[in-house]
Amino acid sequence: MINLTKILNNFYILRQNVLASFSALFAFLNVKIYLIILFIINLTCWFFARYINSAIDQAQIALHYSVDFGIDLYGDIKKIYILPLLGIIIIIVNFVILSVLARFNTKDINFNSHLLFLAALISNIMLLGAIISIYIINF
């Protein structure tokens, strides 16, 4: 027989542990600074994607340009939102990985946070460059 109260109790305990782990990471200054910078860059990506979507009145846009072949990928204009969404997913996954690593190894949190958030920062800057290049291609 399935005991619903036991299942709900386990979910409650899991939620409390996850919240405690996330709040422990916000005690570090470098985590706060990285997250602020990452969200500013990602919001800039969302702004450019929204601007491109509102400025172009066509259903299809050029999504990729190659130096050798020119424009080699056309697609729906809504596909431009994949880039900022990918940036948010990278930030969230790296934050979750850091919280799991912090749960098991507390003395290397500083190094792990720099490593994971720097990777997220570089990838979000590259995604911002990709959105800016899509803007340049289409205008």
N, C-alpha and C. Protein backbone atom coordinates (compact mmCIF):
# COMPACT_ATOMS: atom_id res chain seq x y z
N MET A 1 0.84 -1.18 0.00
CA MET A 1 0.00 0.00 0.00
C MET A 1 0.88 1.24 0.00
N ILE A 2 0.52 2.21 -0.77
CA ILE A 2 1.27 3.45 -0.85
C ILE A 2 0.87 4.35 0.30
N ASN A 3 1.88 4.80 1.04
CA ASN A 3 1.64 5.68 2.17
C ASN A 3 1.89 7.12 1.70
N LEU A 4 0.82 7.86 1.49
CA LEU A 4 0.90 9.20 0.94
C LEU A 4 1.58 10.17 1.91
N THR A 5 1.36 10.02 3.17
CA THR A 5 1.98 10.93 4.14
C THR A 5 3.49 10.76 4.17
N LYS A 6 3.97 9.54 4.01
CA LYS A 6 5.41 9.31 3.98
C LYS A 6 6.04 9.95 2.74
N ILE A 7 5.36 9.84 1.61
CA ILE A 7 5.86 10.44 0.37
C ILE A 7 5.88 11.96 0.49
N LEU A 8 4.81 12.54 1.02
CA LEU A 8 4.77 13.99 1.20
C LEU A 8 5.82 14.46 2.20
N ASN A 9 6.06 13.68 3.23
CA ASN A 9 7.10 14.03 4.20
C ASN A 9 8.49 14.01 3.55
N ASN A 10 8.75 13.03 2.71
CA ASN A 10 10.04 12.97 2.01
C ASN A 10 10.21 14.15 1.06
N PHE A 11 9.16 14.55 0.37
CA PHE A 11 9.24 15.72 -0.50
C PHE A 11 9.48 16.99 0.31
N TYR A 12 8.86 17.10 1.47
CA TYR A 12 9.07 18.26 2.32
C TYR A 12 10.51 18.34 2.81
N ILE A 13 11.05 17.20 3.23
CA ILE A 13 12.45 17.15 3.69
C ILE A 13 13.40 17.48 2.55
N LEU A 14 13.13 16.96 1.36
CA LEU A 14 13.96 17.26 0.20
C LEU A 14 13.92 18.75 -0.13
N ARG A 15 12.74 19.34 -0.08
CA ARG A 15 12.60 20.77 -0.35
C ARG A 15 13.37 21.60 0.66
N GLN A 16 13.32 21.22 1.92
CA GLN A 16 14.06 21.95 2.95
C GLN A 16 15.56 21.84 2.73
N ASN A 17 16.04 20.66 2.34
CA ASN A 17 17.46 20.48 2.09
C ASN A 17 17.94 21.28 0.88
N VAL A 18 17.13 21.31 -0.16
CA VAL A 18 17.49 22.08 -1.36
C VAL A 18 17.52 23.57 -1.05
N LEU A 19 16.53 24.06 -0.32
CA LEU A 19 16.51 25.48 0.04
C LEU A 19 17.68 25.85 0.94
N ALA A 20 18.04 24.97 1.86
CA ALA A 20 19.18 25.24 2.73
C ALA A 20 20.48 25.26 1.94
N SER A 21 20.59 24.35 0.97
CA SER A 21 21.80 24.31 0.14
C SER A 21 21.92 25.56 -0.72
N PHE A 22 20.81 26.00 -1.34
CA PHE A 22 20.83 27.19 -2.17
C PHE A 22 21.12 28.44 -1.35
N SER A 23 20.52 28.54 -0.19
CA SER A 23 20.74 29.73 0.63
C SER A 23 22.16 29.78 1.19
N ALA A 24 22.78 28.62 1.39
CA ALA A 24 24.17 28.60 1.86
C ALA A 24 25.12 29.13 0.78
N LEU A 25 24.77 28.94 -0.49
CA LEU A 25 25.62 29.45 -1.56
C LEU A 25 25.56 30.96 -1.68
N PHE A 26 24.43 31.55 -1.32
CA PHE A 26 24.31 33.00 -1.42
C PHE A 26 25.07 33.73 -0.32
N ALA A 27 25.68 33.01 0.59
CA ALA A 27 26.51 33.64 1.61
C ALA A 27 27.85 34.09 1.04
N PHE A 28 28.24 33.54 -0.10
CA PHE A 28 29.51 33.88 -0.73
C PHE A 28 29.33 35.07 -1.66
N LEU A 29 30.24 36.03 -1.55
CA LEU A 29 30.14 37.25 -2.34
C LEU A 29 30.35 36.98 -3.83
N ASN A 30 31.29 36.09 -4.16
CA ASN A 30 31.56 35.84 -5.58
C ASN A 30 30.36 35.20 -6.28
N VAL A 31 29.58 34.40 -5.57
CA VAL A 31 28.38 33.80 -6.17
C VAL A 31 27.37 34.90 -6.49
N LYS A 32 27.19 35.84 -5.58
CA LYS A 32 26.26 36.94 -5.82
C LYS A 32 26.69 37.79 -7.01
N ILE A 33 27.98 38.11 -7.07
CA ILE A 33 28.48 38.95 -8.16
C ILE A 33 28.35 38.24 -9.50
N TYR A 34 28.73 36.96 -9.54
CA TYR A 34 28.59 36.20 -10.79
C TYR A 34 27.13 36.13 -11.24
N LEU A 35 26.23 35.86 -10.31
CA LEU A 35 24.82 35.75 -10.69
C LEU A 35 24.26 37.08 -11.19
N ILE A 36 24.66 38.18 -10.59
CA ILE A 36 24.20 39.49 -11.06
C ILE A 36 24.71 39.75 -12.47
N ILE A 37 25.98 39.50 -12.71
CA ILE A 37 26.56 39.71 -14.04
C ILE A 37 25.91 38.78 -15.06
N LEU A 38 25.71 37.52 -14.68
CA LEU A 38 25.10 36.56 -15.60
C LEU A 38 23.68 36.94 -15.96
N PHE A 39 22.92 37.39 -14.99
CA PHE A 39 21.54 37.77 -15.30
C PHE A 39 21.47 39.06 -16.10
N ILE A 40 22.40 39.97 -15.92
CA ILE A 40 22.43 41.18 -16.75
C ILE A 40 22.73 40.81 -18.20
N ILE A 41 23.71 39.94 -18.40
CA ILE A 41 24.04 39.52 -19.77
C ILE A 41 22.88 38.76 -20.38
N ASN A 42 22.23 37.89 -19.60
CA ASN A 42 21.12 37.13 -20.14
C ASN A 42 19.92 38.02 -20.42
N LEU A 43 19.67 39.01 -19.59
CA LEU A 43 18.59 39.95 -19.88
C LEU A 43 18.88 40.75 -21.14
N THR A 44 20.15 41.05 -21.39
CA THR A 44 20.53 41.71 -22.63
C THR A 44 20.24 40.81 -23.83
N CYS A 45 20.51 39.53 -23.68
CA CYS A 45 20.18 38.57 -24.75
C CYS A 45 18.67 38.55 -25.01
N TRP A 46 17.88 38.52 -23.94
CA TRP A 46 16.42 38.55 -24.10
C TRP A 46 15.97 39.84 -24.76
N PHE A 47 16.60 40.96 -24.40
CA PHE A 47 16.24 42.25 -25.00
C PHE A 47 16.52 42.23 -26.50
N PHE A 48 17.71 41.76 -26.90
CA PHE A 48 18.04 41.72 -28.33
C PHE A 48 17.12 40.77 -29.08
N ALA A 49 16.80 39.62 -28.49
CA ALA A 49 15.90 38.68 -29.15
C ALA A 49 14.51 39.28 -29.33
N ARG A 50 14.04 39.97 -28.32
CA ARG A 50 12.73 40.62 -28.41
C ARG A 50 12.74 41.75 -29.45
N TYR A 51 13.84 42.51 -29.48
CA TYR A 51 13.95 43.60 -30.44
C TYR A 51 13.97 43.06 -31.87
N ILE A 52 14.72 42.00 -32.10
CA ILE A 52 14.77 41.41 -33.44
C ILE A 52 13.41 40.87 -33.83
N ASN A 53 12.73 40.25 -32.87
CA ASN A 53 11.40 39.70 -33.16
C ASN A 53 10.40 40.80 -33.49
N SER A 54 10.48 41.93 -32.80
CA SER A 54 9.52 43.01 -33.08
C SER A 54 9.89 43.83 -34.30
N ALA A 55 11.17 43.91 -34.64
CA ALA A 55 11.60 44.74 -35.76
C ALA A 55 11.43 44.06 -37.11
N ILE A 56 11.47 42.76 -37.13
CA ILE A 56 11.35 42.04 -38.40
C ILE A 56 9.90 41.59 -38.57
N ASP A 57 9.33 41.92 -39.71
CA ASP A 57 7.95 41.56 -39.96
C ASP A 57 7.80 40.36 -40.89
N GLN A 58 8.87 39.61 -41.04
CA GLN A 58 8.84 38.42 -41.87
C GLN A 58 8.69 37.19 -40.98
N ALA A 59 8.26 36.10 -41.57
CA ALA A 59 8.11 34.86 -40.81
C ALA A 59 9.42 34.10 -40.73
N GLN A 60 10.30 34.28 -41.72
CA GLN A 60 11.57 33.57 -41.77
C GLN A 60 12.71 34.58 -41.65
N ILE A 61 13.74 34.21 -40.90
CA ILE A 61 14.94 35.05 -40.80
C ILE A 61 16.17 34.17 -40.98
N ALA A 62 17.28 34.82 -41.27
CA ALA A 62 18.56 34.12 -41.37
C ALA A 62 19.08 33.87 -39.95
N LEU A 63 19.30 32.62 -39.62
CA LEU A 63 19.73 32.26 -38.27
C LEU A 63 21.21 31.93 -38.17
N HIS A 64 21.86 31.71 -39.32
CA HIS A 64 23.29 31.39 -39.28
C HIS A 64 23.95 31.89 -40.56
N TYR A 65 25.14 32.40 -40.39
CA TYR A 65 25.93 32.89 -41.52
C TYR A 65 27.29 32.24 -41.46
N SER A 66 27.74 31.70 -42.57
CA SER A 66 29.06 31.11 -42.67
C SER A 66 29.88 31.92 -43.67
N VAL A 67 31.15 32.09 -43.36
CA VAL A 67 32.01 32.87 -44.24
C VAL A 67 32.17 32.17 -45.58
N ASP A 68 32.24 30.86 -45.58
CA ASP A 68 32.43 30.11 -46.82
C ASP A 68 31.18 30.07 -47.69
N PHE A 69 30.02 29.87 -47.08
CA PHE A 69 28.81 29.61 -47.84
C PHE A 69 27.77 30.72 -47.75
N GLY A 70 27.98 31.72 -46.91
CA GLY A 70 26.98 32.77 -46.74
C GLY A 70 25.91 32.33 -45.75
N ILE A 71 24.71 32.76 -45.98
CA ILE A 71 23.61 32.37 -45.10
C ILE A 71 23.23 30.93 -45.40
N ASP A 72 23.36 30.09 -44.41
CA ASP A 72 23.09 28.68 -44.63
C ASP A 72 22.01 28.11 -43.73
N LEU A 73 21.33 28.96 -42.95
CA LEU A 73 20.24 28.47 -42.12
C LEU A 73 19.17 29.54 -42.00
N TYR A 74 18.01 29.22 -42.54
CA TYR A 74 16.84 30.07 -42.37
C TYR A 74 15.89 29.35 -41.42
N GLY A 75 15.14 30.14 -40.65
CA GLY A 75 14.19 29.51 -39.76
C GLY A 75 13.13 30.48 -39.28
N ASP A 76 12.24 29.95 -38.49
CA ASP A 76 11.16 30.74 -37.92
C ASP A 76 11.74 31.79 -36.98
N ILE A 77 11.11 32.93 -36.93
CA ILE A 77 11.62 34.03 -36.11
C ILE A 77 11.56 33.70 -34.62
N LYS A 78 10.67 32.81 -34.23
CA LYS A 78 10.57 32.43 -32.81
C LYS A 78 11.76 31.60 -32.35
N LYS A 79 12.52 31.05 -33.28
CA LYS A 79 13.70 30.25 -32.90
C LYS A 79 14.83 31.09 -32.33
N ILE A 80 14.72 32.39 -32.44
CA ILE A 80 15.76 33.26 -31.89
C ILE A 80 15.73 33.23 -30.36
N TYR A 81 14.59 32.86 -29.80
CA TYR A 81 14.48 32.80 -28.34
C TYR A 81 15.18 31.57 -27.75
N ILE A 82 15.67 30.69 -28.58
CA ILE A 82 16.39 29.51 -28.09
C ILE A 82 17.71 29.93 -27.44
N LEU A 83 18.36 30.94 -27.99
CA LEU A 83 19.66 31.37 -27.46
C LEU A 83 19.58 31.91 -26.03
N PRO A 84 18.69 32.86 -25.70
CA PRO A 84 18.62 33.30 -24.31
C PRO A 84 18.12 32.20 -23.37
N LEU A 85 17.23 31.34 -23.88
CA LEU A 85 16.75 30.24 -23.06
C LEU A 85 17.89 29.27 -22.75
N LEU A 86 18.74 29.03 -23.72
CA LEU A 86 19.91 28.19 -23.49
C LEU A 86 20.83 28.81 -22.44
N GLY A 87 20.97 30.13 -22.46
CA GLY A 87 21.78 30.81 -21.46
C GLY A 87 21.23 30.64 -20.06
N ILE A 88 19.91 30.75 -19.89
CA ILE A 88 19.29 30.54 -18.58
C ILE A 88 19.48 29.10 -18.13
N ILE A 89 19.33 28.17 -19.04
CA ILE A 89 19.51 26.75 -18.68
C ILE A 89 20.94 26.50 -18.22
N ILE A 90 21.91 27.09 -18.89
CA ILE A 90 23.31 26.92 -18.48
C ILE A 90 23.54 27.48 -17.08
N ILE A 91 22.98 28.65 -16.81
CA ILE A 91 23.13 29.25 -15.48
C ILE A 91 22.52 28.36 -14.40
N ILE A 92 21.31 27.87 -14.65
CA ILE A 92 20.62 27.05 -13.65
C ILE A 92 21.34 25.73 -13.43
N VAL A 93 21.78 25.09 -14.51
CA VAL A 93 22.48 23.81 -14.37
C VAL A 93 23.78 23.99 -13.60
N ASN A 94 24.54 25.04 -13.90
CA ASN A 94 25.78 25.27 -13.17
C ASN A 94 25.53 25.60 -11.70
N PHE A 95 24.44 26.32 -11.41
CA PHE A 95 24.11 26.61 -10.02
C PHE A 95 23.72 25.34 -9.27
N VAL A 96 22.98 24.47 -9.92
CA VAL A 96 22.60 23.20 -9.28
C VAL A 96 23.83 22.32 -9.07
N ILE A 97 24.71 22.27 -10.05
CA ILE A 97 25.95 21.49 -9.89
C ILE A 97 26.77 22.04 -8.73
N LEU A 98 26.85 23.36 -8.62
CA LEU A 98 27.59 23.95 -7.52
C LEU A 98 26.96 23.63 -6.17
N SER A 99 25.65 23.65 -6.11
CA SER A 99 25.00 23.32 -4.84
C SER A 99 25.20 21.87 -4.46
N VAL A 100 25.23 20.98 -5.44
CA VAL A 100 25.51 19.56 -5.14
C VAL A 100 26.96 19.39 -4.69
N LEU A 101 27.88 20.06 -5.38
CA LEU A 101 29.29 19.97 -4.98
C LEU A 101 29.51 20.59 -3.60
N ALA A 102 28.80 21.65 -3.30
CA ALA A 102 28.95 22.30 -1.99
C ALA A 102 28.40 21.42 -0.88
N ARG A 103 27.44 20.60 -1.20
CA ARG A 103 26.87 19.69 -0.21
C ARG A 103 27.88 18.63 0.21
N PHE A 104 28.72 18.18 -0.71
CA PHE A 104 29.66 17.11 -0.42
C PHE A 104 31.05 17.60 -0.04
N ASN A 105 31.47 18.74 -0.62
CA ASN A 105 32.82 19.22 -0.39
C ASN A 105 32.75 20.71 -0.08
N THR A 106 32.82 21.07 1.19
CA THR A 106 32.61 22.46 1.58
C THR A 106 33.86 23.32 1.48
N LYS A 107 35.03 22.73 1.42
CA LYS A 107 36.22 23.57 1.42
C LYS A 107 36.61 24.07 0.03
N ASP A 108 36.09 23.50 -1.04
CA ASP A 108 36.41 23.93 -2.39
C ASP A 108 35.27 24.69 -3.07
N ILE A 109 34.38 25.27 -2.30
CA ILE A 109 33.24 25.98 -2.88
C ILE A 109 33.71 27.20 -3.67
N ASN A 110 34.70 27.89 -3.16
CA ASN A 110 35.19 29.09 -3.82
C ASN A 110 35.74 28.77 -5.21
N PHE A 111 36.60 27.77 -5.30
CA PHE A 111 37.18 27.38 -6.58
C PHE A 111 36.12 26.86 -7.53
N ASN A 112 35.23 26.00 -7.03
CA ASN A 112 34.18 25.44 -7.88
C ASN A 112 33.23 26.52 -8.38
N SER A 113 32.93 27.50 -7.54
CA SER A 113 32.03 28.57 -7.99
C SER A 113 32.68 29.41 -9.08
N HIS A 114 33.96 29.71 -8.92
CA HIS A 114 34.65 30.45 -9.98
C HIS A 114 34.69 29.65 -11.27
N LEU A 115 34.96 28.38 -11.18
CA LEU A 115 35.05 27.53 -12.37
C LEU A 115 33.72 27.42 -13.09
N LEU A 116 32.66 27.11 -12.35
CA LEU A 116 31.36 26.90 -12.98
C LEU A 116 30.75 28.20 -13.50
N PHE A 117 30.84 29.26 -12.71
CA PHE A 117 30.23 30.50 -13.14
C PHE A 117 31.04 31.21 -14.22
N LEU A 118 32.34 31.00 -14.25
CA LEU A 118 33.12 31.55 -15.35
C LEU A 118 32.78 30.84 -16.65
N ALA A 119 32.54 29.54 -16.60
CA ALA A 119 32.10 28.81 -17.79
C ALA A 119 30.73 29.31 -18.25
N ALA A 120 29.84 29.56 -17.31
CA ALA A 120 28.52 30.09 -17.66
C ALA A 120 28.64 31.51 -18.22
N LEU A 121 29.56 32.29 -17.67
CA LEU A 121 29.76 33.66 -18.15
C LEU A 121 30.29 33.66 -19.58
N ILE A 122 31.26 32.82 -19.86
CA ILE A 122 31.82 32.74 -21.21
C ILE A 122 30.76 32.26 -22.20
N SER A 123 29.98 31.27 -21.81
CA SER A 123 28.95 30.77 -22.73
C SER A 123 27.85 31.81 -22.97
N ASN A 124 27.48 32.57 -21.94
CA ASN A 124 26.46 33.60 -22.14
C ASN A 124 26.99 34.76 -22.98
N ILE A 125 28.27 35.09 -22.85
CA ILE A 125 28.86 36.12 -23.71
C ILE A 125 28.88 35.64 -25.16
N MET A 126 29.17 34.36 -25.38
CA MET A 126 29.13 33.81 -26.73
C MET A 126 27.71 33.81 -27.30
N LEU A 127 26.72 33.51 -26.46
CA LEU A 127 25.33 33.56 -26.91
C LEU A 127 24.91 34.99 -27.24
N LEU A 128 25.38 35.95 -26.46
CA LEU A 128 25.10 37.36 -26.77
C LEU A 128 25.74 37.75 -28.10
N GLY A 129 26.96 37.28 -28.34
CA GLY A 129 27.60 37.52 -29.63
C GLY A 129 26.84 36.88 -30.78
N ALA A 130 26.26 35.72 -30.54
CA ALA A 130 25.47 35.06 -31.58
C ALA A 130 24.20 35.85 -31.90
N ILE A 131 23.55 36.39 -30.87
CA ILE A 131 22.35 37.19 -31.11
C ILE A 131 22.69 38.49 -31.83
N ILE A 132 23.80 39.09 -31.45
CA ILE A 132 24.22 40.32 -32.13
C ILE A 132 24.57 40.02 -33.59
N SER A 133 25.19 38.89 -33.86
CA SER A 133 25.49 38.54 -35.26
C SER A 133 24.22 38.26 -36.05
N ILE A 134 23.21 37.67 -35.42
CA ILE A 134 21.93 37.47 -36.10
C ILE A 134 21.30 38.83 -36.42
N TYR A 135 21.42 39.77 -35.51
CA TYR A 135 20.92 41.12 -35.76
C TYR A 135 21.63 41.75 -36.95
N ILE A 136 22.97 41.61 -36.99
CA ILE A 136 23.74 42.20 -38.08
C ILE A 136 23.41 41.53 -39.41
N ILE A 137 23.21 40.24 -39.42
CA ILE A 137 22.88 39.52 -40.65
C ILE A 137 21.55 39.97 -41.22
N ASN A 138 20.56 40.16 -40.35
CA ASN A 138 19.21 40.43 -40.80
C ASN A 138 18.92 41.91 -41.05
N PHE A 139 19.80 42.80 -40.65
CA PHE A 139 19.54 44.23 -40.87
C PHE A 139 20.59 44.81 -41.71
